[in-house]
Amino acid sequence: FEFMTRNQLKFLEEYRKVADKGVTEAELRRAKEIVNGRTLISFEDSLEVAEYYAVAETMGKNIIQIPDLIHIYEKISGSDILRAAKKYLVDGRMSLAYVGPSLTEDQLRPIFRL
């Protein structure tokens, strides 16, 4: 279909790859660096900190301190990612939205199939 951009197809291709093979150590390390960095930066804002504690308290969840949160992220392994990908990045478990010209479900299904 001409309406599918290379980026959309690449996105689906990467999901398929992760669900089939998992991620490399380099990819996992880079993802952890990004998540840890964003977490630390977001908690420099006192409003973000207040929101984090308010949501945790409201939801009745244990409040996890930032160093402990980073430690949890660091413990995630490639096999954890593969296990989650095999569970969630499969047909029937994942939803993708399409905005564009009217197409039937039969026309879209082959494109969005993992």
PDB file of N, CA and C in Angstrom:
ATOM      1  N   PHE A   1       0.839  -1.185   0.000  1.00  0.00           N
ATOM      2  CA  PHE A   1       0.000   0.000   0.000  1.00  0.00           C
ATOM      3  C   PHE A   1       0.877   1.238   0.000  1.00  0.00           C
ATOM      4  N   GLU A   2       0.558   2.153  -0.899  1.00  0.00           N
ATOM      5  CA  GLU A   2       1.375   3.351  -1.051  1.00  0.00           C
ATOM      6  C   GLU A   2       1.300   4.289   0.141  1.00  0.00           C
ATOM      7  N   PHE A   3       0.247   4.181   0.967  1.00  0.00           N
ATOM      8  CA  PHE A   3       0.107   5.092   2.105  1.00  0.00           C
ATOM      9  C   PHE A   3       1.055   4.728   3.257  1.00  0.00           C
ATOM     10  N   MET A   4       1.598   3.521   3.240  1.00  0.00           N
ATOM     11  CA  MET A   4       2.509   3.114   4.314  1.00  0.00           C
ATOM     12  C   MET A   4       3.874   3.749   4.083  1.00  0.00           C
ATOM     13  N   THR A   5       4.338   4.475   5.060  1.00  0.00           N
ATOM     14  CA  THR A   5       5.649   5.097   4.942  1.00  0.00           C
ATOM     15  C   THR A   5       6.717   4.095   5.343  1.00  0.00           C
ATOM     16  N   ARG A   6       7.921   4.392   4.957  1.00  0.00           N
ATOM     17  CA  ARG A   6       9.037   3.533   5.368  1.00  0.00           C
ATOM     18  C   ARG A   6       9.145   3.455   6.883  1.00  0.00           C
ATOM     19  N   ASN A   7       8.867   4.542   7.565  1.00  0.00           N
ATOM     20  CA  ASN A   7       8.960   4.547   9.026  1.00  0.00           C
ATOM     21  C   ASN A   7       7.951   3.605   9.663  1.00  0.00           C
ATOM     22  N   GLN A   8       6.735   3.590   9.154  1.00  0.00           N
ATOM     23  CA  GLN A   8       5.723   2.698   9.704  1.00  0.00           C
ATOM     24  C   GLN A   8       6.115   1.238   9.496  1.00  0.00           C
ATOM     25  N   LEU A   9       6.599   0.933   8.313  1.00  0.00           N
ATOM     26  CA  LEU A   9       7.016  -0.441   8.036  1.00  0.00           C
ATOM     27  C   LEU A   9       8.229  -0.828   8.876  1.00  0.00           C
ATOM     28  N   LYS A  10       9.146   0.107   9.064  1.00  0.00           N
ATOM     29  CA  LYS A  10      10.340  -0.164   9.887  1.00  0.00           C
ATOM     30  C   LYS A  10       9.940  -0.410  11.336  1.00  0.00           C
ATOM     31  N   PHE A  11       8.981   0.346  11.807  1.00  0.00           N
ATOM     32  CA  PHE A  11       8.468   0.186  13.157  1.00  0.00           C
ATOM     33  C   PHE A  11       7.963  -1.246  13.377  1.00  0.00           C
ATOM     34  N   LEU A  12       7.149  -1.715  12.462  1.00  0.00           N
ATOM     35  CA  LEU A  12       6.617  -3.076  12.561  1.00  0.00           C
ATOM     36  C   LEU A  12       7.720  -4.117  12.410  1.00  0.00           C
ATOM     37  N   GLU A  13       8.666  -3.862  11.524  1.00  0.00           N
ATOM     38  CA  GLU A  13       9.794  -4.773  11.332  1.00  0.00           C
ATOM     39  C   GLU A  13      10.602  -4.914  12.627  1.00  0.00           C
ATOM     40  N   GLU A  14      10.825  -3.805  13.318  1.00  0.00           N
ATOM     41  CA  GLU A  14      11.574  -3.850  14.578  1.00  0.00           C
ATOM     42  C   GLU A  14      10.802  -4.616  15.647  1.00  0.00           C
ATOM     43  N   TYR A  15       9.490  -4.427  15.706  1.00  0.00           N
ATOM     44  CA  TYR A  15       8.687  -5.200  16.652  1.00  0.00           C
ATOM     45  C   TYR A  15       8.809  -6.691  16.373  1.00  0.00           C
ATOM     46  N   ARG A  16       8.736  -7.051  15.102  1.00  0.00           N
ATOM     47  CA  ARG A  16       8.875  -8.467  14.736  1.00  0.00           C
ATOM     48  C   ARG A  16      10.232  -9.006  15.163  1.00  0.00           C
ATOM     49  N   LYS A  17      11.269  -8.217  14.922  1.00  0.00           N
ATOM     50  CA  LYS A  17      12.633  -8.644  15.261  1.00  0.00           C
ATOM     51  C   LYS A  17      12.781  -8.860  16.766  1.00  0.00           C
ATOM     52  N   VAL A  18      12.261  -7.940  17.553  1.00  0.00           N
ATOM     53  CA  VAL A  18      12.354  -8.065  19.010  1.00  0.00           C
ATOM     54  C   VAL A  18      11.569  -9.279  19.482  1.00  0.00           C
ATOM     55  N   ALA A  19      10.383  -9.494  18.923  1.00  0.00           N
ATOM     56  CA  ALA A  19       9.565 -10.639  19.328  1.00  0.00           C
ATOM     57  C   ALA A  19      10.203 -11.964  18.927  1.00  0.00           C
ATOM     58  N   ASP A  20      10.979 -11.965  17.832  1.00  0.00           N
ATOM     59  CA  ASP A  20      11.618 -13.195  17.370  1.00  0.00           C
ATOM     60  C   ASP A  20      12.968 -13.460  18.027  1.00  0.00           C
ATOM     61  N   LYS A  21      13.781 -12.398  18.136  1.00  0.00           N
ATOM     62  CA  LYS A  21      15.171 -12.582  18.555  1.00  0.00           C
ATOM     63  C   LYS A  21      15.566 -11.866  19.832  1.00  0.00           C
ATOM     64  N   GLY A  22      14.718 -10.990  20.335  1.00  0.00           N
ATOM     65  CA  GLY A  22      15.086 -10.203  21.502  1.00  0.00           C
ATOM     66  C   GLY A  22      15.933  -9.012  21.092  1.00  0.00           C
ATOM     67  N   VAL A  23      16.710  -8.499  22.038  1.00  0.00           N
ATOM     68  CA  VAL A  23      17.568  -7.345  21.788  1.00  0.00           C
ATOM     69  C   VAL A  23      19.013  -7.712  22.069  1.00  0.00           C
ATOM     70  N   THR A  24      19.916  -6.967  21.457  1.00  0.00           N
ATOM     71  CA  THR A  24      21.337  -7.197  21.719  1.00  0.00           C
ATOM     72  C   THR A  24      21.716  -6.544  23.051  1.00  0.00           C
ATOM     73  N   GLU A  25      22.865  -6.925  23.570  1.00  0.00           N
ATOM     74  CA  GLU A  25      23.357  -6.311  24.801  1.00  0.00           C
ATOM     75  C   GLU A  25      23.551  -4.811  24.613  1.00  0.00           C
ATOM     76  N   ALA A  26      24.029  -4.406  23.444  1.00  0.00           N
ATOM     77  CA  ALA A  26      24.250  -2.979  23.171  1.00  0.00           C
ATOM     78  C   ALA A  26      22.921  -2.224  23.158  1.00  0.00           C
ATOM     79  N   GLU A  27      21.893  -2.818  22.544  1.00  0.00           N
ATOM     80  CA  GLU A  27      20.577  -2.183  22.514  1.00  0.00           C
ATOM     81  C   GLU A  27      19.996  -2.062  23.921  1.00  0.00           C
ATOM     82  N   LEU A  28      20.155  -3.119  24.703  1.00  0.00           N
ATOM     83  CA  LEU A  28      19.648  -3.118  26.071  1.00  0.00           C
ATOM     84  C   LEU A  28      20.371  -2.072  26.914  1.00  0.00           C
ATOM     85  N   ARG A  29      21.670  -1.996  26.788  1.00  0.00           N
ATOM     86  CA  ARG A  29      22.459  -1.018  27.536  1.00  0.00           C
ATOM     87  C   ARG A  29      22.025   0.398  27.174  1.00  0.00           C
ATOM     88  N   ARG A  30      21.866   0.660  25.884  1.00  0.00           N
ATOM     89  CA  ARG A  30      21.461   1.993  25.420  1.00  0.00           C
ATOM     90  C   ARG A  30      20.058   2.336  25.939  1.00  0.00           C
ATOM     91  N   ALA A  31      19.146   1.391  25.897  1.00  0.00           N
ATOM     92  CA  ALA A  31      17.787   1.627  26.399  1.00  0.00           C
ATOM     93  C   ALA A  31      17.809   1.947  27.892  1.00  0.00           C
ATOM     94  N   LYS A  32      18.612   1.222  28.640  1.00  0.00           N
ATOM     95  CA  LYS A  32      18.723   1.489  30.083  1.00  0.00           C
ATOM     96  C   LYS A  32      19.301   2.868  30.339  1.00  0.00           C
ATOM     97  N   GLU A  33      20.301   3.262  29.575  1.00  0.00           N
ATOM     98  CA  GLU A  33      20.884   4.597  29.733  1.00  0.00           C
ATOM     99  C   GLU A  33      19.832   5.676  29.484  1.00  0.00           C
ATOM    100  N   ILE A  34      19.031   5.483  28.448  1.00  0.00           N
ATOM    101  CA  ILE A  34      17.995   6.461  28.121  1.00  0.00           C
ATOM    102  C   ILE A  34      16.944   6.529  29.225  1.00  0.00           C
ATOM    103  N   VAL A  35      16.445   5.376  29.644  1.00  0.00           N
ATOM    104  CA  VAL A  35      15.402   5.345  30.676  1.00  0.00           C
ATOM    105  C   VAL A  35      15.933   5.916  31.986  1.00  0.00           C
ATOM    106  N   ASN A  36      17.127   5.508  32.380  1.00  0.00           N
ATOM    107  CA  ASN A  36      17.703   6.017  33.625  1.00  0.00           C
ATOM    108  C   ASN A  36      17.918   7.520  33.548  1.00  0.00           C
ATOM    109  N   GLY A  37      18.435   7.996  32.436  1.00  0.00           N
ATOM    110  CA  GLY A  37      18.670   9.426  32.268  1.00  0.00           C
ATOM    111  C   GLY A  37      17.383  10.225  32.323  1.00  0.00           C
ATOM    112  N   ARG A  38      16.381   9.757  31.622  1.00  0.00           N
ATOM    113  CA  ARG A  38      15.090  10.464  31.626  1.00  0.00           C
ATOM    114  C   ARG A  38      14.452  10.444  33.011  1.00  0.00           C
ATOM    115  N   THR A  39      14.597   9.320  33.695  1.00  0.00           N
ATOM    116  CA  THR A  39      14.042   9.224  35.049  1.00  0.00           C
ATOM    117  C   THR A  39      14.723  10.239  35.963  1.00  0.00           C
ATOM    118  N   LEU A  40      16.041  10.262  35.932  1.00  0.00           N
ATOM    119  CA  LEU A  40      16.775  11.191  36.795  1.00  0.00           C
ATOM    120  C   LEU A  40      16.467  12.643  36.455  1.00  0.00           C
ATOM    121  N   ILE A  41      16.409  12.954  35.179  1.00  0.00           N
ATOM    122  CA  ILE A  41      16.109  14.334  34.770  1.00  0.00           C
ATOM    123  C   ILE A  41      14.695  14.731  35.187  1.00  0.00           C
ATOM    124  N   SER A  42      13.747  13.814  35.014  1.00  0.00           N
ATOM    125  CA  SER A  42      12.360  14.161  35.358  1.00  0.00           C
ATOM    126  C   SER A  42      12.216  14.434  36.850  1.00  0.00           C
ATOM    127  N   PHE A  43      13.020  13.785  37.670  1.00  0.00           N
ATOM    128  CA  PHE A  43      12.910  13.974  39.112  1.00  0.00           C
ATOM    129  C   PHE A  43      13.705  15.174  39.615  1.00  0.00           C
ATOM    130  N   GLU A  44      14.280  15.936  38.696  1.00  0.00           N
ATOM    131  CA  GLU A  44      14.866  17.215  39.076  1.00  0.00           C
ATOM    132  C   GLU A  44      13.777  18.276  39.189  1.00  0.00           C
ATOM    133  N   ASP A  45      12.625  18.014  38.627  1.00  0.00           N
ATOM    134  CA  ASP A  45      11.491  18.928  38.660  1.00  0.00           C
ATOM    135  C   ASP A  45      10.627  18.577  39.875  1.00  0.00           C
ATOM    136  N   SER A  46      10.478  19.504  40.798  1.00  0.00           N
ATOM    137  CA  SER A  46       9.738  19.221  42.027  1.00  0.00           C
ATOM    138  C   SER A  46       8.280  18.874  41.747  1.00  0.00           C
ATOM    139  N   LEU A  47       7.709  19.419  40.672  1.00  0.00           N
ATOM    140  CA  LEU A  47       6.335  19.078  40.314  1.00  0.00           C
ATOM    141  C   LEU A  47       6.235  17.608  39.900  1.00  0.00           C
ATOM    142  N   GLU A  48       7.223  17.121  39.145  1.00  0.00           N
ATOM    143  CA  GLU A  48       7.267  15.697  38.753  1.00  0.00           C
ATOM    144  C   GLU A  48       7.381  14.803  39.985  1.00  0.00           C
ATOM    145  N   VAL A  49       8.208  15.194  40.918  1.00  0.00           N
ATOM    146  CA  VAL A  49       8.387  14.407  42.145  1.00  0.00           C
ATOM    147  C   VAL A  49       7.077  14.354  42.915  1.00  0.00           C
ATOM    148  N   ALA A  50       6.424  15.506  43.052  1.00  0.00           N
ATOM    149  CA  ALA A  50       5.148  15.552  43.768  1.00  0.00           C
ATOM    150  C   ALA A  50       4.109  14.678  43.076  1.00  0.00           C
ATOM    151  N   GLU A  51       4.067  14.742  41.744  1.00  0.00           N
ATOM    152  CA  GLU A  51       3.109  13.926  40.999  1.00  0.00           C
ATOM    153  C   GLU A  51       3.399  12.435  41.181  1.00  0.00           C
ATOM    154  N   TYR A  52       4.662  12.059  41.128  1.00  0.00           N
ATOM    155  CA  TYR A  52       5.042  10.660  41.301  1.00  0.00           C
ATOM    156  C   TYR A  52       4.551  10.128  42.648  1.00  0.00           C
ATOM    157  N   TYR A  53       4.828  10.883  43.713  1.00  0.00           N
ATOM    158  CA  TYR A  53       4.419  10.438  45.042  1.00  0.00           C
ATOM    159  C   TYR A  53       2.897  10.465  45.202  1.00  0.00           C
ATOM    160  N   ALA A  54       2.240  11.461  44.615  1.00  0.00           N
ATOM    161  CA  ALA A  54       0.779  11.543  44.715  1.00  0.00           C
ATOM    162  C   ALA A  54       0.111  10.375  44.002  1.00  0.00           C
ATOM    163  N   VAL A  55       0.585  10.049  42.820  1.00  0.00           N
ATOM    164  CA  VAL A  55       0.006   8.930  42.072  1.00  0.00           C
ATOM    165  C   VAL A  55       0.250   7.614  42.812  1.00  0.00           C
ATOM    166  N   ALA A  56       1.468   7.418  43.289  1.00  0.00           N
ATOM    167  CA  ALA A  56       1.783   6.182  44.016  1.00  0.00           C
ATOM    168  C   ALA A  56       0.913   6.056  45.259  1.00  0.00           C
ATOM    169  N   GLU A  57       0.757   7.136  45.965  1.00  0.00           N
ATOM    170  CA  GLU A  57      -0.050   7.128  47.184  1.00  0.00           C
ATOM    171  C   GLU A  57      -1.529   6.898  46.858  1.00  0.00           C
ATOM    172  N   THR A  58      -2.037   7.575  45.843  1.00  0.00           N
ATOM    173  CA  THR A  58      -3.434   7.448  45.444  1.00  0.00           C
ATOM    174  C   THR A  58      -3.759   6.037  44.970  1.00  0.00           C
ATOM    175  N   MET A  59      -2.819   5.441  44.233  1.00  0.00           N
ATOM    176  CA  MET A  59      -3.044   4.100  43.691  1.00  0.00           C
ATOM    177  C   MET A  59      -2.788   3.012  44.732  1.00  0.00           C
ATOM    178  N   GLY A  60      -2.344   3.418  45.912  1.00  0.00           N
ATOM    179  CA  GLY A  60      -2.080   2.454  46.966  1.00  0.00           C
ATOM    180  C   GLY A  60      -0.857   1.595  46.697  1.00  0.00           C
ATOM    181  N   LYS A  61       0.050   2.123  45.916  1.00  0.00           N
ATOM    182  CA  LYS A  61       1.247   1.370  45.571  1.00  0.00           C
ATOM    183  C   LYS A  61       2.394   1.768  46.497  1.00  0.00           C
ATOM    184  N   ASN A  62       3.322   0.855  46.649  1.00  0.00           N
ATOM    185  CA  ASN A  62       4.515   1.176  47.415  1.00  0.00           C
ATOM    186  C   ASN A  62       5.287   2.265  46.693  1.00  0.00           C
ATOM    187  N   ILE A  63       5.781   3.200  47.448  1.00  0.00           N
ATOM    188  CA  ILE A  63       6.578   4.263  46.866  1.00  0.00           C
ATOM    189  C   ILE A  63       8.009   3.757  46.750  1.00  0.00           C
ATOM    190  N   ILE A  64       8.488   3.729  45.525  1.00  0.00           N
ATOM    191  CA  ILE A  64       9.848   3.253  45.263  1.00  0.00           C
ATOM    192  C   ILE A  64      10.745   4.468  45.128  1.00  0.00           C
ATOM    193  N   GLN A  65      11.784   4.522  45.936  1.00  0.00           N
ATOM    194  CA  GLN A  65      12.732   5.627  45.872  1.00  0.00           C
ATOM    195  C   GLN A  65      13.514   5.554  44.562  1.00  0.00           C
ATOM    196  N   ILE A  66      13.972   6.696  44.097  1.00  0.00           N
ATOM    197  CA  ILE A  66      14.627   6.784  42.795  1.00  0.00           C
ATOM    198  C   ILE A  66      15.817   5.832  42.664  1.00  0.00           C
ATOM    199  N   PRO A  67      16.731   5.770  43.620  1.00  0.00           N
ATOM    200  CA  PRO A  67      17.853   4.821  43.467  1.00  0.00           C
ATOM    201  C   PRO A  67      17.366   3.371  43.327  1.00  0.00           C
ATOM    202  N   ASP A  68      16.298   3.036  44.031  1.00  0.00           N
ATOM    203  CA  ASP A  68      15.744   1.687  43.935  1.00  0.00           C
ATOM    204  C   ASP A  68      15.100   1.451  42.566  1.00  0.00           C
ATOM    205  N   LEU A  69      14.471   2.489  42.036  1.00  0.00           N
ATOM    206  CA  LEU A  69      13.866   2.403  40.714  1.00  0.00           C
ATOM    207  C   LEU A  69      14.939   2.163  39.653  1.00  0.00           C
ATOM    208  N   ILE A  70      16.029   2.907  39.735  1.00  0.00           N
ATOM    209  CA  ILE A  70      17.148   2.729  38.810  1.00  0.00           C
ATOM    210  C   ILE A  70      17.713   1.309  38.938  1.00  0.00           C
ATOM    211  N   HIS A  71      17.815   0.819  40.155  1.00  0.00           N
ATOM    212  CA  HIS A  71      18.319  -0.542  40.388  1.00  0.00           C
ATOM    213  C   HIS A  71      17.397  -1.583  39.740  1.00  0.00           C
ATOM    214  N   ILE A  72      16.088  -1.370  39.816  1.00  0.00           N
ATOM    215  CA  ILE A  72      15.125  -2.276  39.176  1.00  0.00           C
ATOM    216  C   ILE A  72      15.343  -2.271  37.668  1.00  0.00           C
ATOM    217  N   TYR A  73      15.500  -1.079  37.081  1.00  0.00           N
ATOM    218  CA  TYR A  73      15.735  -0.982  35.639  1.00  0.00           C
ATOM    219  C   TYR A  73      17.014  -1.711  35.253  1.00  0.00           C
ATOM    220  N   GLU A  74      18.034  -1.557  36.053  1.00  0.00           N
ATOM    221  CA  GLU A  74      19.332  -2.166  35.736  1.00  0.00           C
ATOM    222  C   GLU A  74      19.280  -3.691  35.772  1.00  0.00           C
ATOM    223  N   LYS A  75      18.368  -4.254  36.546  1.00  0.00           N
ATOM    224  CA  LYS A  75      18.255  -5.712  36.651  1.00  0.00           C
ATOM    225  C   LYS A  75      17.540  -6.347  35.459  1.00  0.00           C
ATOM    226  N   ILE A  76      16.908  -5.557  34.615  1.00  0.00           N
ATOM    227  CA  ILE A  76      16.190  -6.101  33.460  1.00  0.00           C
ATOM    228  C   ILE A  76      17.196  -6.716  32.492  1.00  0.00           C
ATOM    229  N   SER A  77      16.921  -7.932  32.078  1.00  0.00           N
ATOM    230  CA  SER A  77      17.844  -8.660  31.197  1.00  0.00           C
ATOM    231  C   SER A  77      17.261  -8.795  29.792  1.00  0.00           C
ATOM    232  N   GLY A  78      18.102  -9.211  28.889  1.00  0.00           N
ATOM    233  CA  GLY A  78      17.656  -9.474  27.527  1.00  0.00           C
ATOM    234  C   GLY A  78      16.585 -10.544  27.487  1.00  0.00           C
ATOM    235  N   SER A  79      16.719 -11.535  28.347  1.00  0.00           N
ATOM    236  CA  SER A  79      15.698 -12.591  28.376  1.00  0.00           C
ATOM    237  C   SER A  79      14.371 -12.061  28.916  1.00  0.00           C
ATOM    238  N   ASP A  80      14.415 -11.070  29.816  1.00  0.00           N
ATOM    239  CA  ASP A  80      13.175 -10.428  30.285  1.00  0.00           C
ATOM    240  C   ASP A  80      12.469  -9.722  29.132  1.00  0.00           C
ATOM    241  N   ILE A  81      13.257  -9.032  28.305  1.00  0.00           N
ATOM    242  CA  ILE A  81      12.701  -8.317  27.160  1.00  0.00           C
ATOM    243  C   ILE A  81      12.087  -9.306  26.169  1.00  0.00           C
ATOM    244  N   LEU A  82      12.805 -10.382  25.882  1.00  0.00           N
ATOM    245  CA  LEU A  82      12.303 -11.388  24.939  1.00  0.00           C
ATOM    246  C   LEU A  82      11.016 -12.028  25.454  1.00  0.00           C
ATOM    247  N   ARG A  83      10.979 -12.342  26.729  1.00  0.00           N
ATOM    248  CA  ARG A  83       9.784 -12.953  27.324  1.00  0.00           C
ATOM    249  C   ARG A  83       8.587 -12.001  27.208  1.00  0.00           C
ATOM    250  N   ALA A  84       8.782 -10.724  27.510  1.00  0.00           N
ATOM    251  CA  ALA A  84       7.697  -9.746  27.399  1.00  0.00           C
ATOM    252  C   ALA A  84       7.294  -9.555  25.942  1.00  0.00           C
ATOM    253  N   ALA A  85       8.273  -9.522  25.044  1.00  0.00           N
ATOM    254  CA  ALA A  85       7.971  -9.340  23.622  1.00  0.00           C
ATOM    255  C   ALA A  85       7.151 -10.511  23.093  1.00  0.00           C
ATOM    256  N   LYS A  86       7.511 -11.720  23.471  1.00  0.00           N
ATOM    257  CA  LYS A  86       6.766 -12.890  23.012  1.00  0.00           C
ATOM    258  C   LYS A  86       5.339 -12.905  23.574  1.00  0.00           C
ATOM    259  N   LYS A  87       5.162 -12.272  24.726  1.00  0.00           N
ATOM    260  CA  LYS A  87       3.836 -12.227  25.334  1.00  0.00           C
ATOM    261  C   LYS A  87       2.977 -11.108  24.737  1.00  0.00           C
ATOM    262  N   TYR A  88       3.563  -9.935  24.503  1.00  0.00           N
ATOM    263  CA  TYR A  88       2.771  -8.768  24.129  1.00  0.00           C
ATOM    264  C   TYR A  88       2.882  -8.347  22.669  1.00  0.00           C
ATOM    265  N   LEU A  89       3.971  -8.641  22.007  1.00  0.00           N
ATOM    266  CA  LEU A  89       4.142  -8.216  20.614  1.00  0.00           C
ATOM    267  C   LEU A  89       3.731  -9.329  19.663  1.00  0.00           C
ATOM    268  N   VAL A  90       2.502  -9.767  19.813  1.00  0.00           N
ATOM    269  CA  VAL A  90       1.947 -10.843  18.997  1.00  0.00           C
ATOM    270  C   VAL A  90       0.567 -10.428  18.511  1.00  0.00           C
ATOM    271  N   ASP A  91       0.119 -11.080  17.446  1.00  0.00           N
ATOM    272  CA  ASP A  91      -1.228 -10.825  16.950  1.00  0.00           C
ATOM    273  C   ASP A  91      -2.230 -11.045  18.076  1.00  0.00           C
ATOM    274  N   GLY A  92      -3.185 -10.162  18.169  1.00  0.00           N
ATOM    275  CA  GLY A  92      -4.219 -10.298  19.181  1.00  0.00           C
ATOM    276  C   GLY A  92      -3.893  -9.626  20.493  1.00  0.00           C
ATOM    277  N   ARG A  93      -2.633  -9.265  20.737  1.00  0.00           N
ATOM    278  CA  ARG A  93      -2.252  -8.634  21.992  1.00  0.00           C
ATOM    279  C   ARG A  93      -1.795  -7.188  21.807  1.00  0.00           C
ATOM    280  N   MET A  94      -1.599  -6.793  20.572  1.00  0.00           N
ATOM    281  CA  MET A  94      -1.067  -5.473  20.310  1.00  0.00           C
ATOM    282  C   MET A  94      -2.045  -4.704  19.443  1.00  0.00           C
ATOM    283  N   SER A  95      -2.180  -3.418  19.713  1.00  0.00           N
ATOM    284  CA  SER A  95      -3.065  -2.575  18.920  1.00  0.00           C
ATOM    285  C   SER A  95      -2.254  -1.485  18.244  1.00  0.00           C
ATOM    286  N   LEU A  96      -2.540  -1.273  16.997  1.00  0.00           N
ATOM    287  CA  LEU A  96      -1.950  -0.172  16.251  1.00  0.00           C
ATOM    288  C   LEU A  96      -3.083   0.631  15.651  1.00  0.00           C
ATOM    289  N   ALA A  97      -2.906   1.929  15.606  1.00  0.00           N
ATOM    290  CA  ALA A  97      -3.930   2.792  15.036  1.00  0.00           C
ATOM    291  C   ALA A  97      -3.532   3.193  13.628  1.00  0.00           C
ATOM    292  N   TYR A  98      -4.512   3.332  12.787  1.00  0.00           N
ATOM    293  CA  TYR A  98      -4.292   3.795  11.425  1.00  0.00           C
ATOM    294  C   TYR A  98      -5.183   5.003  11.189  1.00  0.00           C
ATOM    295  N   VAL A  99      -4.595   6.085  10.699  1.00  0.00           N
ATOM    296  CA  VAL A  99      -5.354   7.273  10.345  1.00  0.00           C
ATOM    297  C   VAL A  99      -5.061   7.553   8.883  1.00  0.00           C
ATOM    298  N   GLY A 100      -6.069   7.565   8.077  1.00  0.00           N
ATOM    299  CA  GLY A 100      -5.859   7.801   6.658  1.00  0.00           C
ATOM    300  C   GLY A 100      -7.097   7.450   5.865  1.00  0.00           C
ATOM    301  N   PRO A 101      -6.915   7.266   4.558  1.00  0.00           N
ATOM    302  CA  PRO A 101      -8.055   6.917   3.709  1.00  0.00           C
ATOM    303  C   PRO A 101      -8.737   5.647   4.218  1.00  0.00           C
ATOM    304  N   SER A 102     -10.026   5.570   3.993  1.00  0.00           N
ATOM    305  CA  SER A 102     -10.787   4.404   4.442  1.00  0.00           C
ATOM    306  C   SER A 102     -10.284   3.137   3.773  1.00  0.00           C
ATOM    307  N   LEU A 103      -9.951   2.173   4.593  1.00  0.00           N
ATOM    308  CA  LEU A 103      -9.546   0.857   4.119  1.00  0.00           C
ATOM    309  C   LEU A 103     -10.276  -0.182   4.937  1.00  0.00           C
ATOM    310  N   THR A 104     -10.434  -1.336   4.371  1.00  0.00           N
ATOM    311  CA  THR A 104     -11.104  -2.408   5.096  1.00  0.00           C
ATOM    312  C   THR A 104     -10.112  -3.093   6.023  1.00  0.00           C
ATOM    313  N   GLU A 105     -10.647  -3.790   6.980  1.00  0.00           N
ATOM    314  CA  GLU A 105      -9.801  -4.556   7.895  1.00  0.00           C
ATOM    315  C   GLU A 105      -8.975  -5.588   7.124  1.00  0.00           C
ATOM    316  N   ASP A 106      -9.561  -6.177   6.085  1.00  0.00           N
ATOM    317  CA  ASP A 106      -8.841  -7.161   5.271  1.00  0.00           C
ATOM    318  C   ASP A 106      -7.635  -6.540   4.569  1.00  0.00           C
ATOM    319  N   GLN A 107      -7.734  -5.270   4.183  1.00  0.00           N
ATOM    320  CA  GLN A 107      -6.610  -4.606   3.540  1.00  0.00           C
ATOM    321  C   GLN A 107      -5.496  -4.282   4.541  1.00  0.00           C
ATOM    322  N   LEU A 108      -5.877  -3.964   5.770  1.00  0.00           N
ATOM    323  CA  LEU A 108      -4.883  -3.573   6.776  1.00  0.00           C
ATOM    324  C   LEU A 108      -4.238  -4.762   7.489  1.00  0.00           C
ATOM    325  N   ARG A 109      -4.969  -5.849   7.662  1.00  0.00           N
ATOM    326  CA  ARG A 109      -4.497  -6.986   8.439  1.00  0.00           C
ATOM    327  C   ARG A 109      -3.123  -7.505   8.016  1.00  0.00           C
ATOM    328  N   PRO A 110      -2.825  -7.707   6.732  1.00  0.00           N
ATOM    329  CA  PRO A 110      -1.510  -8.235   6.361  1.00  0.00           C
ATOM    330  C   PRO A 110      -0.356  -7.295   6.735  1.00  0.00           C
ATOM    331  N   ILE A 111      -0.623  -6.009   6.725  1.00  0.00           N
ATOM    332  CA  ILE A 111       0.424  -5.043   7.053  1.00  0.00           C
ATOM    333  C   ILE A 111       0.746  -5.068   8.544  1.00  0.00           C
ATOM    334  N   PHE A 112      -0.281  -5.108   9.365  1.00  0.00           N
ATOM    335  CA  PHE A 112      -0.100  -5.020  10.801  1.00  0.00           C
ATOM    336  C   PHE A 112       0.085  -6.370  11.487  1.00  0.00           C
ATOM    337  N   ARG A 113       0.182  -7.420  10.733  1.00  0.00           N
ATOM    338  CA  ARG A 113       0.364  -8.741  11.317  1.00  0.00           C
ATOM    339  C   ARG A 113       1.802  -8.895  11.777  1.00  0.00           C
ATOM    340  N   LEU A 114       1.968  -9.355  12.996  1.00  0.00           N
ATOM    341  CA  LEU A 114       3.299  -9.657  13.499  1.00  0.00           C
ATOM    342  C   LEU A 114       3.539 -11.125  13.302  1.00  0.00           C
TER     343      LEU A 114
END
